[in-house]
């Protein structure tokens, strides 16, 4: 299922890139074209379709992780260990969203995938989010941890894809940070699940 989602998203981004190239006004440089003319490309400078797809998909992925964390942060009586983890996730991922949006803007690419990913990449469904929102301790903590483990596993899979097949050094570096940080958080969450 993840492979199918990955392939569909890759095809979608490829179409976006081609359309973006086709819509460039005559005589205007395309995003990523060398200064002073020369050969142009439909992809950003030093970034391929895997890089741009990853960034477009990781923004809504991070947004949902923050939404999940906010649900926990705003509830009363939450276990302090889970509360601290939710704050840590939010504090780490919010700046990464801004970083990725900056890349898209610099590449002349739309931030058009925000708002959903068809539940691929470990994304929670609307029902999942409603279950989390309506839960109270201790069910809230257990549900958050279980959902966020799945969410993080999806992010790691996405990040590994761009590490293996991406081109942009900054994007790959972010992906490597995501893999390391979220693997550590998964270990913490799995340990917490044994004590909640």
C-alpha atoms as a PDB file:
ATOM      1  CA  UNK A   1       0.000   0.000   0.000  1.00  0.00           C
ATOM      2  CA  UNK A   2       2.828   2.399   0.867  1.00  0.00           C
ATOM      3  CA  UNK A   3       4.560   1.562  -2.437  1.00  0.00           C
ATOM      4  CA  UNK A   4       1.355   2.338  -4.339  1.00  0.00           C
ATOM      5  CA  UNK A   5       0.950   5.658  -2.501  1.00  0.00           C
ATOM      6  CA  UNK A   6       4.618   6.489  -3.190  1.00  0.00           C
ATOM      7  CA  UNK A   7       4.241   5.754  -6.917  1.00  0.00           C
ATOM      8  CA  UNK A   8       1.014   7.729  -7.226  1.00  0.00           C
ATOM      9  CA  UNK A   9       2.580  10.705  -5.443  1.00  0.00           C
ATOM     10  CA  UNK A  10       5.702  10.478  -7.630  1.00  0.00           C
ATOM     11  CA  UNK A  11       3.567  10.538 -10.755  1.00  0.00           C
ATOM     12  CA  UNK A  12       1.554  13.481  -9.422  1.00  0.00           C
ATOM     13  CA  UNK A  13       4.654  15.526  -8.653  1.00  0.00           C
ATOM     14  CA  UNK A  14       6.160  14.704 -12.045  1.00  0.00           C
ATOM     15  CA  UNK A  15       2.994  16.026 -13.696  1.00  0.00           C
ATOM     16  CA  UNK A  16       3.140  19.156 -11.518  1.00  0.00           C
ATOM     17  CA  UNK A  17       6.745  19.755 -12.494  1.00  0.00           C
ATOM     18  CA  UNK A  18       6.011  19.335 -16.185  1.00  0.00           C
ATOM     19  CA  UNK A  19       2.988  21.622 -15.982  1.00  0.00           C
ATOM     20  CA  UNK A  20       4.999  24.213 -14.062  1.00  0.00           C
ATOM     21  CA  UNK A  21       7.583  24.128 -16.828  1.00  0.00           C
ATOM     22  CA  UNK A  22       4.941  24.432 -19.522  1.00  0.00           C
ATOM     23  CA  UNK A  23       3.302  27.405 -17.831  1.00  0.00           C
ATOM     24  CA  UNK A  24       6.454  29.534 -17.674  1.00  0.00           C
ATOM     25  CA  UNK A  25       5.965  32.724 -19.716  1.00  0.00           C
ATOM     26  CA  UNK A  26       7.975  32.965 -22.924  1.00  0.00           C
ATOM     27  CA  UNK A  27      11.421  34.364 -22.278  1.00  0.00           C
ATOM     28  CA  UNK A  28      11.161  33.997 -18.500  1.00  0.00           C
ATOM     29  CA  UNK A  29      13.575  31.685 -16.707  1.00  0.00           C
ATOM     30  CA  UNK A  30      12.036  28.609 -15.186  1.00  0.00           C
ATOM     31  CA  UNK A  31      12.715  27.844 -11.526  1.00  0.00           C
ATOM     32  CA  UNK A  32      16.121  26.213 -11.475  1.00  0.00           C
ATOM     33  CA  UNK A  33      17.271  27.483 -14.856  1.00  0.00           C
ATOM     34  CA  UNK A  34      20.857  28.703 -14.974  1.00  0.00           C
ATOM     35  CA  UNK A  35      21.415  32.488 -14.884  1.00  0.00           C
ATOM     36  CA  UNK A  36      21.703  34.168 -18.242  1.00  0.00           C
ATOM     37  CA  UNK A  37      19.769  31.576 -20.173  1.00  0.00           C
ATOM     38  CA  UNK A  38      21.138  28.223 -21.251  1.00  0.00           C
ATOM     39  CA  UNK A  39      19.305  24.956 -20.961  1.00  0.00           C
ATOM     40  CA  UNK A  40      16.352  25.001 -18.597  1.00  0.00           C
ATOM     41  CA  UNK A  41      14.693  22.287 -16.598  1.00  0.00           C
ATOM     42  CA  UNK A  42      11.254  21.661 -15.137  1.00  0.00           C
ATOM     43  CA  UNK A  43      12.847  20.759 -11.793  1.00  0.00           C
ATOM     44  CA  UNK A  44      14.313  23.120  -9.185  1.00  0.00           C
ATOM     45  CA  UNK A  45      18.050  23.755  -8.949  1.00  0.00           C
ATOM     46  CA  UNK A  46      19.832  20.690  -7.567  1.00  0.00           C
ATOM     47  CA  UNK A  47      16.561  18.940  -6.704  1.00  0.00           C
ATOM     48  CA  UNK A  48      14.806  16.106  -8.452  1.00  0.00           C
ATOM     49  CA  UNK A  49      11.192  14.909  -8.395  1.00  0.00           C
ATOM     50  CA  UNK A  50      11.879  12.713  -5.349  1.00  0.00           C
ATOM     51  CA  UNK A  51      13.098  15.746  -3.381  1.00  0.00           C
ATOM     52  CA  UNK A  52      10.102  17.883  -4.281  1.00  0.00           C
ATOM     53  CA  UNK A  53       7.621  15.069  -3.674  1.00  0.00           C
ATOM     54  CA  UNK A  54       9.141  14.392  -0.257  1.00  0.00           C
ATOM     55  CA  UNK A  55       8.903  18.056   0.764  1.00  0.00           C
ATOM     56  CA  UNK A  56       5.331  18.406  -0.520  1.00  0.00           C
ATOM     57  CA  UNK A  57       4.243  15.281   1.352  1.00  0.00           C
ATOM     58  CA  UNK A  58       6.211  15.861   4.554  1.00  0.00           C
ATOM     59  CA  UNK A  59       4.607  19.267   5.170  1.00  0.00           C
ATOM     60  CA  UNK A  60       1.076  17.868   5.721  1.00  0.00           C
ATOM     61  CA  UNK A  61       2.606  14.884   7.510  1.00  0.00           C
ATOM     62  CA  UNK A  62       4.294  17.217  10.015  1.00  0.00           C
ATOM     63  CA  UNK A  63       1.142  19.333  10.239  1.00  0.00           C
ATOM     64  CA  UNK A  64      -0.842  16.318  11.365  1.00  0.00           C
ATOM     65  CA  UNK A  65       1.797  15.354  13.944  1.00  0.00           C
ATOM     66  CA  UNK A  66       1.476  18.865  15.379  1.00  0.00           C
ATOM     67  CA  UNK A  67      -2.316  18.590  15.375  1.00  0.00           C
ATOM     68  CA  UNK A  68      -2.055  15.293  17.258  1.00  0.00           C
ATOM     69  CA  UNK A  69       0.390  16.828  19.716  1.00  0.00           C
ATOM     70  CA  UNK A  70      -1.863  19.851  20.261  1.00  0.00           C
ATOM     71  CA  UNK A  71      -4.739  17.551  21.209  1.00  0.00           C
ATOM     72  CA  UNK A  72      -2.580  16.085  23.973  1.00  0.00           C
ATOM     73  CA  UNK A  73      -1.153  19.436  25.062  1.00  0.00           C
ATOM     74  CA  UNK A  74      -4.613  20.973  25.418  1.00  0.00           C
ATOM     75  CA  UNK A  75      -6.071  18.135  27.530  1.00  0.00           C
ATOM     76  CA  UNK A  76      -6.096  18.173  31.332  1.00  0.00           C
ATOM     77  CA  UNK A  77      -4.459  15.512  33.459  1.00  0.00           C
ATOM     78  CA  UNK A  78      -2.155  14.083  30.793  1.00  0.00           C
ATOM     79  CA  UNK A  79       0.814  12.025  31.970  1.00  0.00           C
ATOM     80  CA  UNK A  80       3.740  14.477  32.093  1.00  0.00           C
ATOM     81  CA  UNK A  81       6.013  12.133  30.133  1.00  0.00           C
ATOM     82  CA  UNK A  82       3.538  12.010  27.242  1.00  0.00           C
ATOM     83  CA  UNK A  83       2.907  15.740  27.503  1.00  0.00           C
ATOM     84  CA  UNK A  84       6.646  16.453  27.296  1.00  0.00           C
ATOM     85  CA  UNK A  85       6.933  14.187  24.259  1.00  0.00           C
ATOM     86  CA  UNK A  86       4.034  15.928  22.510  1.00  0.00           C
ATOM     87  CA  UNK A  87       5.692  19.308  23.110  1.00  0.00           C
ATOM     88  CA  UNK A  88       9.017  17.953  21.856  1.00  0.00           C
ATOM     89  CA  UNK A  89       7.410  16.699  18.635  1.00  0.00           C
ATOM     90  CA  UNK A  90       5.656  20.021  18.051  1.00  0.00           C
ATOM     91  CA  UNK A  91       8.777  22.067  18.790  1.00  0.00           C
ATOM     92  CA  UNK A  92      10.856  19.978  16.387  1.00  0.00           C
ATOM     93  CA  UNK A  93       8.426  19.758  13.497  1.00  0.00           C
ATOM     94  CA  UNK A  94       7.025  23.298  13.352  1.00  0.00           C
ATOM     95  CA  UNK A  95      10.379  24.825  12.275  1.00  0.00           C
ATOM     96  CA  UNK A  96      10.863  22.010   9.770  1.00  0.00           C
ATOM     97  CA  UNK A  97       7.547  22.914   8.137  1.00  0.00           C
ATOM     98  CA  UNK A  98       8.719  26.504   7.715  1.00  0.00           C
ATOM     99  CA  UNK A  99      12.053  25.289   6.326  1.00  0.00           C
ATOM    100  CA  UNK A 100      10.326  23.073   3.758  1.00  0.00           C
ATOM    101  CA  UNK A 101       7.850  25.793   2.784  1.00  0.00           C
ATOM    102  CA  UNK A 102      10.832  28.065   2.199  1.00  0.00           C
ATOM    103  CA  UNK A 103      12.351  25.498  -0.125  1.00  0.00           C
ATOM    104  CA  UNK A 104       9.142  25.180  -2.124  1.00  0.00           C
ATOM    105  CA  UNK A 105       8.864  28.940  -2.412  1.00  0.00           C
ATOM    106  CA  UNK A 106      12.488  29.205  -3.501  1.00  0.00           C
ATOM    107  CA  UNK A 107      11.957  26.488  -6.074  1.00  0.00           C
ATOM    108  CA  UNK A 108       8.810  28.172  -7.388  1.00  0.00           C
ATOM    109  CA  UNK A 109       6.774  25.132  -6.371  1.00  0.00           C
ATOM    110  CA  UNK A 110       3.286  25.182  -4.806  1.00  0.00           C
ATOM    111  CA  UNK A 111       2.615  24.072  -1.242  1.00  0.00           C
ATOM    112  CA  UNK A 112      -0.358  22.239  -2.659  1.00  0.00           C
ATOM    113  CA  UNK A 113      -0.429  18.974  -0.738  1.00  0.00           C
ATOM    114  CA  UNK A 114      -1.192  20.587   2.623  1.00  0.00           C
ATOM    115  CA  UNK A 115      -4.414  19.261   4.071  1.00  0.00           C
ATOM    116  CA  UNK A 116      -4.118  15.588   3.252  1.00  0.00           C
ATOM    117  CA  UNK A 117      -2.235  12.665   1.800  1.00  0.00           C
ATOM    118  CA  UNK A 118      -5.013  10.082   1.403  1.00  0.00           C
ATOM    119  CA  UNK A 119      -3.844   8.495   4.667  1.00  0.00           C
ATOM    120  CA  UNK A 120      -0.572   7.245   3.178  1.00  0.00           C
ATOM    121  CA  UNK A 121       2.769   7.483   4.941  1.00  0.00           C
ATOM    122  CA  UNK A 122       1.342   6.652   8.356  1.00  0.00           C
ATOM    123  CA  UNK A 123      -1.206   9.480   8.237  1.00  0.00           C
ATOM    124  CA  UNK A 124      -4.210   9.183  10.525  1.00  0.00           C
ATOM    125  CA  UNK A 125      -7.723   9.136   9.119  1.00  0.00           C
ATOM    126  CA  UNK A 126     -10.425  11.569  10.240  1.00  0.00           C
ATOM    127  CA  UNK A 127     -11.852   8.798  12.410  1.00  0.00           C
ATOM    128  CA  UNK A 128      -8.440   8.243  13.999  1.00  0.00           C
ATOM    129  CA  UNK A 129      -8.137  11.936  14.781  1.00  0.00           C
ATOM    130  CA  UNK A 130     -11.656  12.065  16.210  1.00  0.00           C
ATOM    131  CA  UNK A 131     -10.905   9.060  18.429  1.00  0.00           C
ATOM    132  CA  UNK A 132      -7.805  10.808  19.756  1.00  0.00           C
ATOM    133  CA  UNK A 133      -9.652  14.074  20.283  1.00  0.00           C
ATOM    134  CA  UNK A 134     -12.482  12.449  22.226  1.00  0.00           C
ATOM    135  CA  UNK A 135     -10.260  10.265  24.423  1.00  0.00           C
ATOM    136  CA  UNK A 136      -9.284  11.031  28.011  1.00  0.00           C
ATOM    137  CA  UNK A 137      -6.520   9.672  30.258  1.00  0.00           C
ATOM    138  CA  UNK A 138      -5.309   6.969  30.322  1.00  0.00           C
ATOM    139  CA  UNK A 139      -6.822   5.996  26.942  1.00  0.00           C
ATOM    140  CA  UNK A 140      -5.630   9.310  25.482  1.00  0.00           C
ATOM    141  CA  UNK A 141      -1.977   8.590  26.246  1.00  0.00           C
ATOM    142  CA  UNK A 142      -2.128   5.039  24.893  1.00  0.00           C
ATOM    143  CA  UNK A 143      -3.904   6.106  21.705  1.00  0.00           C
ATOM    144  CA  UNK A 144      -1.535   9.020  21.107  1.00  0.00           C
ATOM    145  CA  UNK A 145       1.527   6.829  21.536  1.00  0.00           C
ATOM    146  CA  UNK A 146       0.202   4.074  19.275  1.00  0.00           C
ATOM    147  CA  UNK A 147      -0.885   6.522  16.578  1.00  0.00           C
ATOM    148  CA  UNK A 148       2.331   8.534  16.736  1.00  0.00           C
ATOM    149  CA  UNK A 149       4.460   5.399  16.427  1.00  0.00           C
ATOM    150  CA  UNK A 150       2.607   4.550  13.198  1.00  0.00           C
ATOM    151  CA  UNK A 151       2.915   8.175  12.082  1.00  0.00           C
ATOM    152  CA  UNK A 152       6.660   8.251  12.771  1.00  0.00           C
ATOM    153  CA  UNK A 153       7.192   4.926  10.997  1.00  0.00           C
ATOM    154  CA  UNK A 154       5.539   6.421   7.920  1.00  0.00           C
ATOM    155  CA  UNK A 155       7.779   9.487   8.107  1.00  0.00           C
ATOM    156  CA  UNK A 156      10.878   7.302   8.388  1.00  0.00           C
ATOM    157  CA  UNK A 157       9.821   5.330   5.301  1.00  0.00           C
ATOM    158  CA  UNK A 158       9.287   8.577   3.379  1.00  0.00           C
ATOM    159  CA  UNK A 159      12.605   9.992   4.558  1.00  0.00           C
ATOM    160  CA  UNK A 160      14.478   6.823   3.642  1.00  0.00           C
ATOM    161  CA  UNK A 161      13.077   7.111   0.128  1.00  0.00           C
ATOM    162  CA  UNK A 162      14.586  10.546  -0.394  1.00  0.00           C
ATOM    163  CA  UNK A 163      17.853   9.537   1.287  1.00  0.00           C
ATOM    164  CA  UNK A 164      18.148   6.714  -1.250  1.00  0.00           C
ATOM    165  CA  UNK A 165      16.877   8.523  -4.342  1.00  0.00           C
ATOM    166  CA  UNK A 166      16.957  12.260  -3.696  1.00  0.00           C
ATOM    167  CA  UNK A 167      19.439  14.768  -5.054  1.00  0.00           C
ATOM    168  CA  UNK A 168      19.266  17.941  -2.956  1.00  0.00           C
ATOM    169  CA  UNK A 169      21.826  17.863  -0.119  1.00  0.00           C
ATOM    170  CA  UNK A 170      19.685  19.989   2.229  1.00  0.00           C
ATOM    171  CA  UNK A 171      16.609  17.814   1.689  1.00  0.00           C
ATOM    172  CA  UNK A 172      18.616  14.649   2.269  1.00  0.00           C
ATOM    173  CA  UNK A 173      20.157  16.142   5.432  1.00  0.00           C
ATOM    174  CA  UNK A 174      16.677  16.940   6.776  1.00  0.00           C
ATOM    175  CA  UNK A 175      15.512  13.423   5.928  1.00  0.00           C
ATOM    176  CA  UNK A 176      18.467  11.977   7.841  1.00  0.00           C
ATOM    177  CA  UNK A 177      17.611  14.140  10.871  1.00  0.00           C
ATOM    178  CA  UNK A 178      13.986  12.978  10.678  1.00  0.00           C
ATOM    179  CA  UNK A 179      15.036   9.319  10.594  1.00  0.00           C
ATOM    180  CA  UNK A 180      17.357   9.713  13.600  1.00  0.00           C
ATOM    181  CA  UNK A 181      15.017  11.854  15.723  1.00  0.00           C
ATOM    182  CA  UNK A 182      11.859   9.896  15.034  1.00  0.00           C
ATOM    183  CA  UNK A 183      13.531   6.514  15.527  1.00  0.00           C
ATOM    184  CA  UNK A 184      14.623   7.746  18.962  1.00  0.00           C
ATOM    185  CA  UNK A 185      11.104   8.969  19.709  1.00  0.00           C
ATOM    186  CA  UNK A 186       9.611   5.634  18.627  1.00  0.00           C
ATOM    187  CA  UNK A 187      11.862   3.881  21.159  1.00  0.00           C
ATOM    188  CA  UNK A 188      10.712   6.293  23.875  1.00  0.00           C
ATOM    189  CA  UNK A 189       7.049   5.787  22.938  1.00  0.00           C
ATOM    190  CA  UNK A 190       7.358   2.007  22.913  1.00  0.00           C
ATOM    191  CA  UNK A 191       8.857   2.155  26.402  1.00  0.00           C
ATOM    192  CA  UNK A 192       6.114   4.485  27.603  1.00  0.00           C
ATOM    193  CA  UNK A 193       3.459   2.079  26.328  1.00  0.00           C
ATOM    194  CA  UNK A 194       4.752  -0.523  28.775  1.00  0.00           C
ATOM    195  CA  UNK A 195       4.200   1.818  31.724  1.00  0.00           C
ATOM    196  CA  UNK A 196       1.039   3.780  30.856  1.00  0.00           C
END
